[in-house]
Amino acid sequence: MAGVRDDRKYHEGHGWIVMEDDCIGRLGISDFAQEELEEVLMVVLPKVGTKITQGVPMGEIESLKVISDLVAPATGEVVEINEAVKKDPALVNNAPYEGGWLVKVKLDNPSQVDALLDATAYATQTYS
């Protein structure tokens, strides 16, 4: 199990963000979320250039159990999508923090990330 990673921040909607530089964040869903979904069958991601807003759905993820919204953990513009996940959605299950990332976003306000949950707070909220 990949668990919770200390190097990223988490949104209460089970999304994560890790900063790649001062204004680019890479987004995905947590290990907890992928376990709850079970087998991921399809991921619908926003297109490059799409503006996403923190707390608002930016796409969908479909599993054998349910279709769920992908909630944006921060506000910004999508600058890259993970094409590998579109072709092989199982990457979200197999490597939620590595190869299963979803999009990269140029953040409007990088300090917005500071208000997200750290690994300890997320783990306490999620696994308690």
N, C-alpha and C. Protein backbone atom coordinates (compact mmCIF):
# COMPACT_ATOMS: atom_id res chain seq x y z
N MET A 1 0.84 -1.19 0.00
CA MET A 1 0.00 0.00 0.00
C MET A 1 0.87 1.24 0.00
N ALA A 2 0.53 2.19 -0.82
CA ALA A 2 1.31 3.42 -0.92
C ALA A 2 1.06 4.34 0.26
N GLY A 3 -0.10 4.24 0.95
CA GLY A 3 -0.38 5.03 2.14
C GLY A 3 -0.52 6.51 1.84
N VAL A 4 0.02 7.31 2.74
CA VAL A 4 -0.02 8.76 2.64
C VAL A 4 1.42 9.25 2.53
N ARG A 5 1.68 10.11 1.58
CA ARG A 5 3.04 10.62 1.35
C ARG A 5 3.24 11.97 2.02
N ASP A 6 4.38 12.13 2.67
CA ASP A 6 4.70 13.38 3.37
C ASP A 6 5.08 14.52 2.43
N ASP A 7 5.40 14.21 1.18
CA ASP A 7 5.92 15.24 0.28
C ASP A 7 4.82 15.99 -0.48
N ARG A 8 3.57 15.80 -0.11
CA ARG A 8 2.48 16.47 -0.83
C ARG A 8 1.40 16.92 0.14
N LYS A 9 0.48 17.72 -0.38
CA LYS A 9 -0.66 18.21 0.39
C LYS A 9 -1.92 17.55 -0.16
N TYR A 10 -2.93 17.46 0.70
CA TYR A 10 -4.14 16.73 0.36
C TYR A 10 -5.38 17.61 0.51
N HIS A 11 -6.33 17.39 -0.39
CA HIS A 11 -7.64 18.04 -0.32
C HIS A 11 -8.58 17.06 0.37
N GLU A 12 -9.54 17.56 1.09
CA GLU A 12 -10.47 16.67 1.79
C GLU A 12 -11.25 15.75 0.84
N GLY A 13 -11.28 16.11 -0.45
CA GLY A 13 -11.93 15.27 -1.46
C GLY A 13 -11.03 14.16 -1.96
N HIS A 14 -9.92 13.90 -1.28
CA HIS A 14 -8.98 12.79 -1.53
C HIS A 14 -8.08 13.01 -2.74
N GLY A 15 -7.94 14.25 -3.17
CA GLY A 15 -6.95 14.58 -4.18
C GLY A 15 -5.67 15.06 -3.50
N TRP A 16 -4.57 14.94 -4.20
CA TRP A 16 -3.29 15.44 -3.68
C TRP A 16 -2.64 16.36 -4.70
N ILE A 17 -1.68 17.15 -4.19
CA ILE A 17 -0.87 18.00 -5.06
C ILE A 17 0.55 18.01 -4.52
N VAL A 18 1.49 17.90 -5.42
CA VAL A 18 2.91 18.04 -5.07
C VAL A 18 3.47 19.11 -6.00
N MET A 19 4.19 20.05 -5.42
CA MET A 19 4.74 21.15 -6.19
C MET A 19 5.99 20.69 -6.92
N GLU A 20 6.07 21.00 -8.22
CA GLU A 20 7.24 20.64 -9.02
C GLU A 20 8.19 21.82 -9.16
N ASP A 21 7.65 23.03 -9.02
CA ASP A 21 8.45 24.24 -8.93
C ASP A 21 7.59 25.28 -8.24
N ASP A 22 7.92 26.55 -8.37
CA ASP A 22 7.19 27.59 -7.64
C ASP A 22 5.72 27.70 -8.00
N CYS A 23 5.34 27.34 -9.22
CA CYS A 23 3.94 27.53 -9.61
C CYS A 23 3.30 26.35 -10.33
N ILE A 24 4.03 25.26 -10.54
CA ILE A 24 3.47 24.08 -11.21
C ILE A 24 3.26 22.97 -10.17
N GLY A 25 2.02 22.48 -10.11
CA GLY A 25 1.70 21.37 -9.23
C GLY A 25 1.22 20.18 -10.03
N ARG A 26 1.60 19.00 -9.57
CA ARG A 26 1.14 17.74 -10.17
C ARG A 26 0.05 17.19 -9.26
N LEU A 27 -1.10 16.79 -9.84
CA LEU A 27 -2.27 16.39 -9.09
C LEU A 27 -2.60 14.93 -9.32
N GLY A 28 -3.19 14.31 -8.32
CA GLY A 28 -3.66 12.93 -8.43
C GLY A 28 -4.65 12.63 -7.33
N ILE A 29 -5.00 11.35 -7.19
CA ILE A 29 -5.87 10.95 -6.08
C ILE A 29 -5.07 10.09 -5.11
N SER A 30 -5.52 10.08 -3.88
CA SER A 30 -4.79 9.38 -2.82
C SER A 30 -4.92 7.86 -2.94
N ASP A 31 -4.03 7.19 -2.24
CA ASP A 31 -4.08 5.74 -2.18
C ASP A 31 -5.40 5.29 -1.57
N PHE A 32 -5.87 5.99 -0.55
CA PHE A 32 -7.16 5.68 0.06
C PHE A 32 -8.28 5.73 -0.98
N ALA A 33 -8.29 6.79 -1.78
CA ALA A 33 -9.33 6.96 -2.80
C ALA A 33 -9.30 5.82 -3.82
N GLN A 34 -8.11 5.47 -4.30
CA GLN A 34 -8.05 4.40 -5.30
C GLN A 34 -8.47 3.07 -4.70
N GLU A 35 -8.18 2.83 -3.42
CA GLU A 35 -8.62 1.59 -2.78
C GLU A 35 -10.14 1.54 -2.66
N GLU A 36 -10.74 2.69 -2.32
CA GLU A 36 -12.20 2.76 -2.21
C GLU A 36 -12.88 2.52 -3.56
N LEU A 37 -12.28 3.04 -4.61
CA LEU A 37 -12.84 2.87 -5.95
C LEU A 37 -12.71 1.44 -6.45
N GLU A 38 -11.66 0.77 -6.01
CA GLU A 38 -11.27 -0.55 -6.48
C GLU A 38 -10.76 -0.44 -7.91
N GLU A 39 -11.22 -1.24 -8.83
CA GLU A 39 -10.64 -1.27 -10.17
C GLU A 39 -11.08 -0.07 -11.01
N VAL A 40 -10.13 0.83 -11.29
CA VAL A 40 -10.41 2.01 -12.12
C VAL A 40 -10.46 1.59 -13.58
N LEU A 41 -11.56 1.96 -14.25
CA LEU A 41 -11.78 1.58 -15.64
C LEU A 41 -11.55 2.71 -16.63
N MET A 42 -11.82 3.94 -16.19
CA MET A 42 -11.70 5.08 -17.10
C MET A 42 -11.48 6.36 -16.29
N VAL A 43 -10.69 7.26 -16.87
CA VAL A 43 -10.46 8.58 -16.27
C VAL A 43 -10.76 9.64 -17.33
N VAL A 44 -11.61 10.59 -16.98
CA VAL A 44 -11.93 11.72 -17.86
C VAL A 44 -11.23 12.94 -17.27
N LEU A 45 -10.25 13.46 -18.01
CA LEU A 45 -9.44 14.57 -17.53
C LEU A 45 -9.75 15.85 -18.31
N PRO A 46 -9.51 17.00 -17.67
CA PRO A 46 -9.69 18.26 -18.40
C PRO A 46 -8.63 18.40 -19.47
N LYS A 47 -8.92 19.19 -20.50
CA LYS A 47 -7.96 19.44 -21.57
C LYS A 47 -6.92 20.46 -21.14
N VAL A 48 -5.75 20.39 -21.77
CA VAL A 48 -4.72 21.41 -21.55
C VAL A 48 -5.34 22.77 -21.87
N GLY A 49 -5.09 23.73 -21.01
CA GLY A 49 -5.64 25.07 -21.17
C GLY A 49 -6.90 25.31 -20.36
N THR A 50 -7.49 24.23 -19.83
CA THR A 50 -8.71 24.36 -19.02
C THR A 50 -8.38 24.98 -17.67
N LYS A 51 -9.23 25.90 -17.25
CA LYS A 51 -9.11 26.52 -15.94
C LYS A 51 -9.85 25.64 -14.93
N ILE A 52 -9.17 25.24 -13.86
CA ILE A 52 -9.82 24.46 -12.81
C ILE A 52 -9.86 25.30 -11.53
N THR A 53 -10.85 24.99 -10.68
CA THR A 53 -11.06 25.76 -9.46
C THR A 53 -11.05 24.83 -8.25
N GLN A 54 -10.34 25.23 -7.23
CA GLN A 54 -10.24 24.43 -6.01
C GLN A 54 -11.63 24.06 -5.49
N GLY A 55 -11.80 22.77 -5.18
CA GLY A 55 -13.04 22.27 -4.62
C GLY A 55 -14.14 21.98 -5.63
N VAL A 56 -13.84 22.21 -6.91
CA VAL A 56 -14.83 22.02 -7.97
C VAL A 56 -14.39 20.83 -8.84
N PRO A 57 -15.34 19.98 -9.27
CA PRO A 57 -14.94 18.86 -10.12
C PRO A 57 -14.22 19.31 -11.39
N MET A 58 -13.14 18.58 -11.72
CA MET A 58 -12.35 18.89 -12.92
C MET A 58 -12.38 17.73 -13.91
N GLY A 59 -13.03 16.64 -13.53
CA GLY A 59 -13.11 15.45 -14.37
C GLY A 59 -13.84 14.36 -13.62
N GLU A 60 -13.75 13.15 -14.16
CA GLU A 60 -14.41 11.99 -13.55
C GLU A 60 -13.49 10.79 -13.57
N ILE A 61 -13.76 9.90 -12.64
CA ILE A 61 -13.05 8.62 -12.60
C ILE A 61 -14.11 7.53 -12.44
N GLU A 62 -14.03 6.52 -13.30
CA GLU A 62 -15.02 5.46 -13.30
C GLU A 62 -14.37 4.16 -12.87
N SER A 63 -15.04 3.48 -11.95
CA SER A 63 -14.57 2.17 -11.51
C SER A 63 -15.71 1.17 -11.65
N LEU A 64 -15.44 -0.06 -11.25
CA LEU A 64 -16.50 -1.07 -11.27
C LEU A 64 -17.63 -0.68 -10.32
N LYS A 65 -17.31 0.08 -9.28
CA LYS A 65 -18.28 0.40 -8.25
C LYS A 65 -19.07 1.68 -8.52
N VAL A 66 -18.43 2.71 -9.08
CA VAL A 66 -19.03 4.03 -9.10
C VAL A 66 -18.34 4.94 -10.11
N ILE A 67 -19.02 6.00 -10.48
CA ILE A 67 -18.39 7.11 -11.21
C ILE A 67 -18.27 8.25 -10.22
N SER A 68 -17.06 8.74 -10.00
CA SER A 68 -16.81 9.79 -9.02
C SER A 68 -16.22 11.02 -9.69
N ASP A 69 -16.53 12.17 -9.12
CA ASP A 69 -15.90 13.41 -9.56
C ASP A 69 -14.46 13.46 -9.11
N LEU A 70 -13.60 14.02 -9.95
CA LEU A 70 -12.23 14.35 -9.57
C LEU A 70 -12.27 15.81 -9.15
N VAL A 71 -12.06 16.06 -7.87
CA VAL A 71 -12.16 17.41 -7.33
C VAL A 71 -10.78 18.07 -7.34
N ALA A 72 -10.72 19.27 -7.86
CA ALA A 72 -9.45 20.00 -7.95
C ALA A 72 -8.98 20.44 -6.56
N PRO A 73 -7.75 20.11 -6.18
CA PRO A 73 -7.24 20.54 -4.88
C PRO A 73 -6.73 21.99 -4.88
N ALA A 74 -6.61 22.59 -6.06
CA ALA A 74 -6.12 23.98 -6.17
C ALA A 74 -6.64 24.59 -7.48
N THR A 75 -6.53 25.91 -7.57
CA THR A 75 -7.02 26.65 -8.72
C THR A 75 -5.87 26.98 -9.67
N GLY A 76 -6.11 26.81 -10.96
CA GLY A 76 -5.09 27.14 -11.95
C GLY A 76 -5.47 26.66 -13.33
N GLU A 77 -4.48 26.65 -14.22
CA GLU A 77 -4.68 26.23 -15.60
C GLU A 77 -3.95 24.93 -15.86
N VAL A 78 -4.65 23.97 -16.45
CA VAL A 78 -4.04 22.67 -16.79
C VAL A 78 -3.00 22.90 -17.88
N VAL A 79 -1.76 22.46 -17.60
CA VAL A 79 -0.68 22.61 -18.57
C VAL A 79 -0.22 21.28 -19.15
N GLU A 80 -0.63 20.18 -18.51
CA GLU A 80 -0.26 18.85 -19.02
C GLU A 80 -1.23 17.83 -18.43
N ILE A 81 -1.59 16.84 -19.24
CA ILE A 81 -2.36 15.72 -18.72
C ILE A 81 -1.52 14.46 -18.85
N ASN A 82 -1.80 13.49 -18.01
CA ASN A 82 -1.07 12.23 -18.05
C ASN A 82 -1.74 11.31 -19.07
N GLU A 83 -1.20 11.31 -20.28
CA GLU A 83 -1.75 10.49 -21.36
C GLU A 83 -1.69 9.00 -21.02
N ALA A 84 -0.68 8.60 -20.24
CA ALA A 84 -0.55 7.19 -19.88
C ALA A 84 -1.75 6.70 -19.08
N VAL A 85 -2.30 7.56 -18.22
CA VAL A 85 -3.46 7.19 -17.41
C VAL A 85 -4.71 7.07 -18.28
N LYS A 86 -4.81 7.92 -19.30
CA LYS A 86 -5.95 7.82 -20.22
C LYS A 86 -5.93 6.48 -20.95
N LYS A 87 -4.72 6.02 -21.32
CA LYS A 87 -4.58 4.75 -22.04
C LYS A 87 -4.66 3.54 -21.11
N ASP A 88 -4.16 3.71 -19.87
CA ASP A 88 -4.12 2.61 -18.91
C ASP A 88 -4.57 3.12 -17.54
N PRO A 89 -5.89 3.23 -17.31
CA PRO A 89 -6.41 3.75 -16.05
C PRO A 89 -5.97 2.96 -14.82
N ALA A 90 -5.55 1.72 -15.00
CA ALA A 90 -5.09 0.91 -13.86
C ALA A 90 -3.87 1.52 -13.19
N LEU A 91 -3.17 2.43 -13.86
CA LEU A 91 -2.04 3.12 -13.23
C LEU A 91 -2.48 3.86 -11.97
N VAL A 92 -3.73 4.34 -11.95
CA VAL A 92 -4.24 5.03 -10.77
C VAL A 92 -4.27 4.07 -9.59
N ASN A 93 -4.61 2.82 -9.84
CA ASN A 93 -4.60 1.82 -8.77
C ASN A 93 -3.20 1.37 -8.40
N ASN A 94 -2.39 1.14 -9.42
CA ASN A 94 -1.07 0.55 -9.20
C ASN A 94 -0.03 1.53 -8.68
N ALA A 95 -0.17 2.80 -9.02
CA ALA A 95 0.85 3.80 -8.63
C ALA A 95 0.20 5.18 -8.46
N PRO A 96 -0.70 5.34 -7.47
CA PRO A 96 -1.44 6.59 -7.35
C PRO A 96 -0.56 7.82 -7.12
N TYR A 97 0.63 7.62 -6.58
CA TYR A 97 1.51 8.76 -6.30
C TYR A 97 2.64 8.93 -7.31
N GLU A 98 2.76 8.01 -8.22
CA GLU A 98 3.85 8.08 -9.20
C GLU A 98 3.26 8.12 -10.61
N GLY A 99 3.23 6.99 -11.31
CA GLY A 99 2.75 6.93 -12.68
C GLY A 99 1.27 7.20 -12.85
N GLY A 100 0.49 7.15 -11.76
CA GLY A 100 -0.94 7.36 -11.81
C GLY A 100 -1.39 8.79 -11.56
N TRP A 101 -0.45 9.75 -11.64
CA TRP A 101 -0.86 11.16 -11.48
C TRP A 101 -1.79 11.53 -12.63
N LEU A 102 -2.54 12.63 -12.48
CA LEU A 102 -3.57 12.97 -13.45
C LEU A 102 -3.23 14.17 -14.32
N VAL A 103 -2.98 15.31 -13.72
CA VAL A 103 -2.70 16.53 -14.49
C VAL A 103 -1.64 17.36 -13.79
N LYS A 104 -1.02 18.25 -14.57
CA LYS A 104 -0.14 19.29 -14.02
C LYS A 104 -0.85 20.62 -14.24
N VAL A 105 -0.75 21.49 -13.23
CA VAL A 105 -1.48 22.75 -13.24
C VAL A 105 -0.54 23.90 -12.89
N LYS A 106 -0.65 24.99 -13.67
CA LYS A 106 0.02 26.23 -13.31
C LYS A 106 -0.93 26.95 -12.36
N LEU A 107 -0.52 27.06 -11.10
CA LEU A 107 -1.38 27.59 -10.07
C LEU A 107 -1.53 29.11 -10.15
N ASP A 108 -2.75 29.57 -9.94
CA ASP A 108 -3.01 31.01 -9.88
C ASP A 108 -2.38 31.61 -8.63
N ASN A 109 -2.48 30.88 -7.52
CA ASN A 109 -1.98 31.35 -6.25
C ASN A 109 -1.33 30.18 -5.51
N PRO A 110 -0.03 29.97 -5.71
CA PRO A 110 0.63 28.81 -5.10
C PRO A 110 0.49 28.73 -3.58
N SER A 111 0.28 29.86 -2.92
CA SER A 111 0.12 29.82 -1.46
C SER A 111 -1.19 29.14 -1.05
N GLN A 112 -2.11 28.96 -2.00
CA GLN A 112 -3.36 28.25 -1.74
C GLN A 112 -3.06 26.82 -1.26
N VAL A 113 -1.98 26.26 -1.72
CA VAL A 113 -1.60 24.89 -1.36
C VAL A 113 -1.29 24.79 0.13
N ASP A 114 -0.78 25.86 0.72
CA ASP A 114 -0.42 25.85 2.14
C ASP A 114 -1.61 25.55 3.04
N ALA A 115 -2.82 25.89 2.60
CA ALA A 115 -4.01 25.69 3.41
C ALA A 115 -4.55 24.26 3.32
N LEU A 116 -4.01 23.44 2.42
CA LEU A 116 -4.45 22.06 2.30
C LEU A 116 -3.92 21.22 3.46
N LEU A 117 -4.43 20.01 3.59
CA LEU A 117 -4.02 19.12 4.67
C LEU A 117 -2.63 18.56 4.43
N ASP A 118 -1.82 18.51 5.50
CA ASP A 118 -0.55 17.81 5.38
C ASP A 118 -0.82 16.32 5.56
N ALA A 119 0.20 15.50 5.41
CA ALA A 119 0.02 14.04 5.44
C ALA A 119 -0.58 13.58 6.77
N THR A 120 -0.13 14.14 7.87
CA THR A 120 -0.64 13.72 9.18
C THR A 120 -2.12 14.06 9.33
N ALA A 121 -2.49 15.28 8.96
CA ALA A 121 -3.89 15.71 9.07
C ALA A 121 -4.78 14.88 8.15
N TYR A 122 -4.30 14.61 6.94
CA TYR A 122 -5.09 13.82 5.99
C TYR A 122 -5.27 12.39 6.52
N ALA A 123 -4.19 11.79 7.01
CA ALA A 123 -4.28 10.43 7.52
C ALA A 123 -5.22 10.36 8.73
N THR A 124 -5.15 11.35 9.60
CA THR A 124 -6.04 11.38 10.76
C THR A 124 -7.49 11.49 10.33
N GLN A 125 -7.77 12.37 9.37
CA GLN A 125 -9.13 12.56 8.89
C GLN A 125 -9.64 11.31 8.16
N THR A 126 -8.79 10.70 7.39
CA THR A 126 -9.20 9.61 6.50
C THR A 126 -9.27 8.25 7.20
N TYR A 127 -8.31 7.96 8.03
CA TYR A 127 -8.21 6.62 8.60
C TYR A 127 -8.72 6.52 10.03
N SER A 128 -9.27 7.60 10.57
CA SER A 128 -9.78 7.58 11.96
C SER A 128 -11.23 7.17 12.03
